[in-house]
Amino acid sequence: MRLMQHKKEAYWFYRYLSIFYDKLVNPLFWTEKMREKSLDLGYWDDPETLRVIDVGSGTGFTTEGIVRRVPSENVTCVDQSPHQMSRALAKRELAGCTFQLGDAEALPFDDDTFDRYVSAGSIEYWPDPQLGILEAYRVLKPGGWALMIGPLEPVNPFSKFVANTWMLFPPEEDYHQYFENAGFDRIDYTYVAPYWQKSERYGIAIIGRKPQAGKSPYAYTPVPHETAVVNAEQEGMSLGRGMLLAGRVLAGSAAGFLFIPMALVASITAPLRGIDKEPEPLNQHQKVALVAVGVIATIFIVNRLAKRR
């Protein structure tokens, strides 16, 4: 499994990433245009009666799009990170939502509870994605729709290496297989990408309908947990386990943070690479990060030149 494809590592990763997630990460990788295009794939008829669950709701960015379509009182947000959730709780437009800490692979709700299931940018961290999709099926009412939004495996060899070191970037066919295995029908999908990305197959939004009540008919054996790291509690964690966990978090975080300067450079070079999409202006936090990248690159180049003399 990838370094961040564990619940405990993801917990610590987001403890610090939550500080600037909405300011730096979302505006680059999960934009409002991408969110709206993805959610438009859903079925939002009779919004006053729909009960919606947003799994892996994080800071509530996707939830903000959901409450444009249904009353906030009808929306339940589930995430394992209290740090991400605290950011969502502070958003005025989400004041009516219900928030609950929980696990995407073991949702704390009865069968046939919700009319709509939405999960955006969460599957990347699931140790067992098929189990998470089976949970989506279980908690939906018959006729309910599950909408999953996630990244696709990069084509560029370096980006692919960094991505697969960091977290799960499923191939497109895996998303379809997860939904088909679970028993969803009427499956549909669309691609989403930020303006600086040349390939439209950057991310996918896929939706399916639950045809009958109860749990999925799919006989599935869950992926065994890596108990040496994932299930170790703080009070029972040995020094060796603690060091292993810290090492994985640091290495995985480093791989993840590499995507930020890569995306910043890609955003300002988009016209030079023949991308004619309407650009989205950088915010103040992105500009500061871009300047920092420029300074570091300049120091590195000057240092290398000085060593050659």
Protein backbone atom coordinates (compact mmCIF):
# COMPACT_ATOMS: atom_id res chain seq x y z
CA MET A 1 0.00 0.00 0.00
CA ARG A 2 1.05 3.60 -0.58
CA LEU A 3 2.55 5.58 2.30
CA MET A 4 -0.62 7.60 2.93
CA GLN A 5 -3.04 4.77 2.12
CA HIS A 6 -3.55 4.02 5.80
CA LYS A 7 -5.95 5.60 8.25
CA LYS A 8 -3.38 6.48 10.89
CA GLU A 9 -0.89 8.04 8.47
CA ALA A 10 -3.68 10.01 6.78
CA TYR A 11 -4.84 11.21 10.21
CA TRP A 12 -1.45 12.78 10.98
CA PHE A 13 -0.97 14.05 7.44
CA TYR A 14 -4.22 16.02 7.61
CA ARG A 15 -3.55 17.29 11.10
CA TYR A 16 -1.06 19.70 9.50
CA LEU A 17 -2.40 19.91 5.94
CA SER A 18 -5.77 21.13 7.25
CA ILE A 19 -4.14 24.44 8.21
CA PHE A 20 -3.80 25.55 4.59
CA TYR A 21 -5.89 22.99 2.70
CA ASP A 22 -8.56 25.44 1.50
CA LYS A 23 -6.00 28.18 0.80
CA LEU A 24 -3.41 26.26 -1.19
CA VAL A 25 -4.48 22.71 -2.04
CA ASN A 26 -8.09 22.99 -3.21
CA PRO A 27 -7.51 26.00 -5.50
CA LEU A 28 -4.89 23.95 -7.37
CA PHE A 29 -6.19 20.38 -7.41
CA TRP A 30 -9.94 20.43 -6.65
CA THR A 31 -11.36 23.67 -7.95
CA GLU A 32 -14.88 25.02 -7.76
CA LYS A 33 -15.38 24.38 -11.49
CA MET A 34 -14.32 20.76 -11.03
CA ARG A 35 -16.63 20.40 -8.04
CA GLU A 36 -19.65 21.82 -9.83
CA LYS A 37 -19.10 19.70 -12.95
CA SER A 38 -18.83 16.59 -10.77
CA LEU A 39 -21.91 17.34 -8.68
CA ASP A 40 -23.90 18.16 -11.82
CA LEU A 41 -23.62 14.46 -12.63
CA GLY A 42 -25.82 13.74 -9.61
CA TYR A 43 -29.58 13.60 -9.44
CA TRP A 44 -30.86 16.38 -7.20
CA ASP A 45 -34.59 16.28 -7.97
CA ASP A 46 -36.92 16.88 -5.00
CA PRO A 47 -34.05 18.34 -2.93
CA GLU A 48 -36.21 19.05 0.12
CA THR A 49 -36.69 15.32 0.68
CA LEU A 50 -33.18 14.08 -0.06
CA ARG A 51 -30.94 12.82 2.74
CA VAL A 52 -27.30 13.12 1.68
CA ILE A 53 -24.13 11.69 3.20
CA ASP A 54 -20.77 13.30 2.32
CA VAL A 55 -18.04 10.76 3.14
CA GLY A 56 -14.51 12.07 3.61
CA SER A 57 -16.01 15.55 3.80
CA GLY A 58 -12.77 17.14 5.04
CA THR A 59 -12.91 20.92 5.28
CA GLY A 60 -16.35 20.96 3.71
CA PHE A 61 -15.38 22.26 0.27
CA THR A 62 -17.44 19.61 -1.55
CA THR A 63 -20.18 19.99 1.04
CA GLU A 64 -20.46 23.67 0.08
CA GLY A 65 -21.41 22.52 -3.41
CA ILE A 66 -23.90 19.99 -2.04
CA VAL A 67 -25.74 22.56 0.10
CA ARG A 68 -26.27 24.66 -3.02
CA ARG A 69 -28.46 21.79 -4.20
CA VAL A 70 -30.13 20.50 -1.02
CA PRO A 71 -30.85 22.10 2.38
CA SER A 72 -27.87 21.89 4.74
CA GLU A 73 -30.12 20.25 7.37
CA ASN A 74 -30.39 17.23 5.04
CA VAL A 75 -26.62 16.69 4.82
CA THR A 76 -24.49 14.45 7.06
CA CYS A 77 -20.71 14.88 6.88
CA VAL A 78 -18.40 12.02 7.86
CA ASP A 79 -14.61 12.22 8.16
CA GLN A 80 -11.95 10.54 10.27
CA SER A 81 -9.97 13.78 10.77
CA PRO A 82 -11.17 16.07 13.57
CA HIS A 83 -8.73 18.70 12.29
CA GLN A 84 -10.27 18.81 8.83
CA MET A 85 -13.76 18.70 10.33
CA SER A 86 -13.04 21.67 12.62
CA ARG A 87 -12.47 23.77 9.48
CA ALA A 88 -15.80 22.67 8.05
CA LEU A 89 -17.61 23.39 11.32
CA ALA A 90 -16.42 26.99 11.13
CA LYS A 91 -18.10 27.59 7.76
CA ARG A 92 -21.34 29.51 8.13
CA GLU A 93 -23.04 27.94 5.10
CA LEU A 94 -22.57 24.48 6.63
CA ALA A 95 -24.08 25.38 10.00
CA GLY A 96 -27.13 23.18 9.44
CA CYS A 97 -25.16 20.05 8.51
CA THR A 98 -24.66 17.11 10.84
CA PHE A 99 -21.01 16.23 11.48
CA GLN A 100 -19.79 12.86 12.68
CA LEU A 101 -16.34 11.36 12.95
CA GLY A 102 -16.31 8.04 11.18
CA ASP A 103 -14.64 5.54 8.88
CA ALA A 104 -15.55 5.35 5.17
CA GLU A 105 -15.05 1.59 5.27
CA ALA A 106 -17.32 1.11 8.32
CA LEU A 107 -19.96 3.85 8.23
CA PRO A 108 -21.85 4.25 11.53
CA PHE A 109 -25.32 4.17 9.93
CA ASP A 110 -28.00 1.59 9.29
CA ASP A 111 -28.67 0.00 5.92
CA ASP A 112 -30.90 1.95 3.51
CA THR A 113 -30.57 5.31 5.29
CA PHE A 114 -29.61 7.91 2.67
CA ASP A 115 -30.89 8.99 -0.74
CA ARG A 116 -27.53 10.25 -2.00
CA TYR A 117 -23.93 9.32 -1.23
CA VAL A 118 -21.08 11.68 -2.21
CA SER A 119 -17.36 11.21 -1.66
CA ALA A 120 -14.71 13.48 -3.18
CA GLY A 121 -10.95 13.20 -2.73
CA SER A 122 -11.21 10.48 -0.10
CA ILE A 123 -10.81 7.14 -1.88
CA GLU A 124 -7.09 7.89 -2.29
CA TYR A 125 -6.55 7.13 1.41
CA TRP A 126 -8.75 4.06 1.76
CA PRO A 127 -6.80 0.86 2.49
CA ASP A 128 -9.65 -1.12 0.87
CA PRO A 129 -11.55 0.93 -1.78
CA GLN A 130 -13.90 -1.91 -2.70
CA LEU A 131 -15.01 -2.16 0.94
CA GLY A 132 -15.70 1.59 0.95
CA ILE A 133 -17.88 1.30 -2.17
CA LEU A 134 -19.75 -1.62 -0.60
CA GLU A 135 -20.46 0.66 2.37
CA ALA A 136 -21.77 3.31 -0.03
CA TYR A 137 -24.16 0.72 -1.44
CA ARG A 138 -25.25 -0.46 2.01
CA VAL A 139 -26.20 2.92 3.48
CA LEU A 140 -28.15 4.03 0.41
CA LYS A 141 -31.88 3.49 0.05
CA PRO A 142 -33.10 1.49 -2.96
CA GLY A 143 -33.04 3.85 -5.94
CA GLY A 144 -30.41 6.03 -4.26
CA TRP A 145 -27.32 7.26 -6.09
CA ALA A 146 -23.65 7.07 -5.11
CA LEU A 147 -21.26 9.67 -6.58
CA MET A 148 -17.53 9.02 -6.21
CA ILE A 149 -14.94 11.63 -7.25
CA GLY A 150 -11.27 10.76 -7.23
CA PRO A 151 -7.94 11.05 -9.05
CA LEU A 152 -6.76 8.93 -11.94
CA GLU A 153 -3.29 7.45 -12.20
CA PRO A 154 -0.97 10.01 -13.88
CA VAL A 155 0.57 9.25 -17.27
CA ASN A 156 3.82 11.18 -16.79
CA PRO A 157 6.39 8.71 -15.34
CA PHE A 158 7.71 11.07 -12.64
CA SER A 159 4.21 12.19 -11.55
CA LYS A 160 3.13 8.55 -11.55
CA PHE A 161 6.04 7.57 -9.30
CA VAL A 162 5.41 10.40 -6.83
CA ALA A 163 1.66 9.77 -6.84
CA ASN A 164 1.98 6.05 -6.22
CA THR A 165 4.48 6.71 -3.43
CA TRP A 166 2.07 9.10 -1.77
CA MET A 167 -1.42 7.60 -2.00
CA LEU A 168 -3.77 5.59 -4.20
CA PHE A 169 -4.37 6.85 -7.73
CA PRO A 170 -6.62 4.11 -9.17
CA PRO A 171 -6.62 3.35 -12.89
CA GLU A 172 -9.93 4.32 -14.49
CA GLU A 173 -11.07 0.72 -14.93
CA ASP A 174 -10.81 0.15 -11.17
CA TYR A 175 -13.51 2.73 -10.44
CA HIS A 176 -15.89 1.01 -12.84
CA GLN A 177 -15.03 -2.38 -11.36
CA TYR A 178 -15.68 -1.20 -7.79
CA PHE A 179 -19.16 0.02 -8.76
CA GLU A 180 -20.03 -3.00 -10.90
CA ASN A 181 -18.87 -5.42 -8.21
CA ALA A 182 -20.96 -3.67 -5.56
CA GLY A 183 -24.10 -4.09 -7.67
CA PHE A 184 -24.74 -0.53 -8.81
CA ASP A 185 -26.54 -0.10 -12.12
CA ARG A 186 -27.05 2.81 -14.54
CA ILE A 187 -23.38 3.73 -14.05
CA ASP A 188 -22.29 6.99 -15.65
CA TYR A 189 -19.16 9.13 -15.41
CA THR A 190 -17.36 12.29 -16.50
CA TYR A 191 -13.78 13.54 -16.32
CA VAL A 192 -12.61 16.59 -14.37
CA ALA A 193 -9.32 18.47 -14.43
CA PRO A 194 -7.87 21.82 -13.29
CA TYR A 195 -7.22 24.36 -16.03
CA TRP A 196 -3.44 23.79 -15.98
CA GLN A 197 -3.79 20.07 -16.73
CA LYS A 198 -3.47 19.18 -20.42
CA SER A 199 -5.11 15.76 -20.18
CA GLU A 200 -8.81 15.74 -19.35
CA ARG A 201 -8.34 12.39 -17.60
CA TYR A 202 -6.92 13.92 -14.44
CA GLY A 203 -9.84 12.89 -12.25
CA ILE A 204 -13.14 11.06 -12.57
CA ALA A 205 -16.63 11.51 -11.22
CA ILE A 206 -18.56 8.24 -11.39
CA ILE A 207 -22.13 7.60 -10.31
CA GLY A 208 -24.31 4.53 -9.90
CA ARG A 209 -27.80 3.64 -8.66
CA LYS A 210 -28.63 1.11 -5.95
CA PRO A 211 -31.29 -1.18 -7.42
CA GLN A 212 -32.46 -3.08 -4.33
CA ALA A 213 -32.59 -2.81 -0.55
CA GLY A 214 -30.02 -4.11 1.88
CA LYS A 215 -26.35 -4.90 1.62
CA SER A 216 -24.52 -5.53 -1.62
CA PRO A 217 -24.94 -9.06 -3.00
CA TYR A 218 -21.21 -9.14 -3.79
CA ALA A 219 -19.34 -11.78 -1.74
CA TYR A 220 -16.17 -9.92 -0.85
CA THR A 221 -13.24 -10.74 1.41
CA PRO A 222 -11.85 -7.48 2.86
CA VAL A 223 -8.17 -6.66 2.50
CA PRO A 224 -6.32 -7.63 5.71
CA HIS A 225 -5.29 -4.67 7.85
CA GLU A 226 -1.60 -4.03 8.36
CA THR A 227 -1.86 -4.30 12.12
CA ALA A 228 1.78 -3.39 12.70
CA VAL A 229 1.00 0.23 11.85
CA VAL A 230 -2.64 0.90 11.06
CA ASN A 231 -4.31 -0.56 14.15
CA ALA A 232 -1.68 0.36 16.69
CA GLU A 233 -3.14 2.59 19.40
CA GLN A 234 -1.07 5.42 20.82
CA GLU A 235 -0.92 3.96 24.30
CA GLY A 236 0.12 0.53 23.00
CA MET A 237 2.56 1.66 20.36
CA SER A 238 6.14 0.56 20.77
CA LEU A 239 9.10 2.80 19.98
CA GLY A 240 9.76 0.82 16.79
CA ARG A 241 6.18 1.15 15.61
CA GLY A 242 6.18 4.83 16.45
CA MET A 243 9.34 5.45 14.47
CA LEU A 244 7.98 3.47 11.52
CA LEU A 245 4.75 5.47 11.58
CA ALA A 246 6.66 8.78 11.82
CA GLY A 247 8.90 7.75 8.94
CA ARG A 248 5.97 6.81 6.73
CA VAL A 249 4.15 10.08 7.52
CA LEU A 250 7.26 12.17 6.75
CA ALA A 251 8.08 10.31 3.54
CA GLY A 252 4.47 10.32 2.37
CA SER A 253 4.03 13.99 3.24
CA ALA A 254 7.19 14.89 1.32
CA ALA A 255 5.87 13.05 -1.74
CA GLY A 256 2.50 14.77 -1.39
CA PHE A 257 3.93 18.24 -0.96
CA LEU A 258 6.00 17.79 -4.13
CA PHE A 259 2.75 18.10 -6.06
CA ILE A 260 2.22 21.68 -4.86
CA PRO A 261 5.28 23.27 -6.56
CA MET A 262 4.72 21.02 -9.58
CA ALA A 263 1.15 22.29 -9.90
CA LEU A 264 2.14 25.92 -9.30
CA VAL A 265 4.73 25.78 -12.08
CA ALA A 266 2.25 23.99 -14.34
CA SER A 267 -0.36 26.69 -13.69
CA ILE A 268 1.85 29.58 -14.80
CA THR A 269 3.32 27.70 -17.76
CA ALA A 270 -0.04 26.46 -19.06
CA PRO A 271 -0.18 28.93 -22.02
CA LEU A 272 3.39 28.00 -23.00
CA ARG A 273 2.34 24.34 -23.11
CA GLY A 274 -0.49 25.06 -25.52
CA ILE A 275 -3.32 24.99 -22.98
CA ASP A 276 -5.94 27.57 -23.94
CA LYS A 277 -8.37 27.04 -21.05
CA GLU A 278 -9.40 30.11 -19.09
CA PRO A 279 -6.83 30.48 -16.29
CA GLU A 280 -7.81 30.85 -12.66
CA PRO A 281 -5.78 33.60 -10.95
CA LEU A 282 -3.48 32.55 -8.12
CA ASN A 283 -4.50 33.65 -4.65
CA GLN A 284 -2.13 35.31 -2.19
CA HIS A 285 -1.10 32.03 -0.55
CA GLN A 286 -0.31 30.44 -3.91
CA LYS A 287 1.76 33.47 -4.95
CA VAL A 288 3.80 33.27 -1.75
CA ALA A 289 4.38 29.55 -2.30
CA LEU A 290 5.40 30.21 -5.91
CA VAL A 291 7.92 32.86 -4.83
CA ALA A 292 9.32 30.41 -2.26
CA VAL A 293 9.71 27.77 -4.99
CA GLY A 294 11.51 30.34 -7.16
CA VAL A 295 13.87 31.32 -4.35
CA ILE A 296 14.71 27.69 -3.55
CA ALA A 297 15.28 26.90 -7.23
CA THR A 298 17.52 29.97 -7.61
CA ILE A 299 19.61 29.04 -4.57
CA PHE A 300 19.98 25.49 -5.86
CA ILE A 301 21.07 26.66 -9.33
CA VAL A 302 23.53 29.23 -7.98
CA ASN A 303 24.98 26.65 -5.61
CA ARG A 304 25.46 24.15 -8.42
CA LEU A 305 27.11 26.76 -10.64
CA ALA A 306 29.44 27.81 -7.81
CA LYS A 307 30.57 24.21 -7.30
CA ARG A 308 31.52 23.89 -10.96
CA ARG A 309 33.96 26.76 -10.75
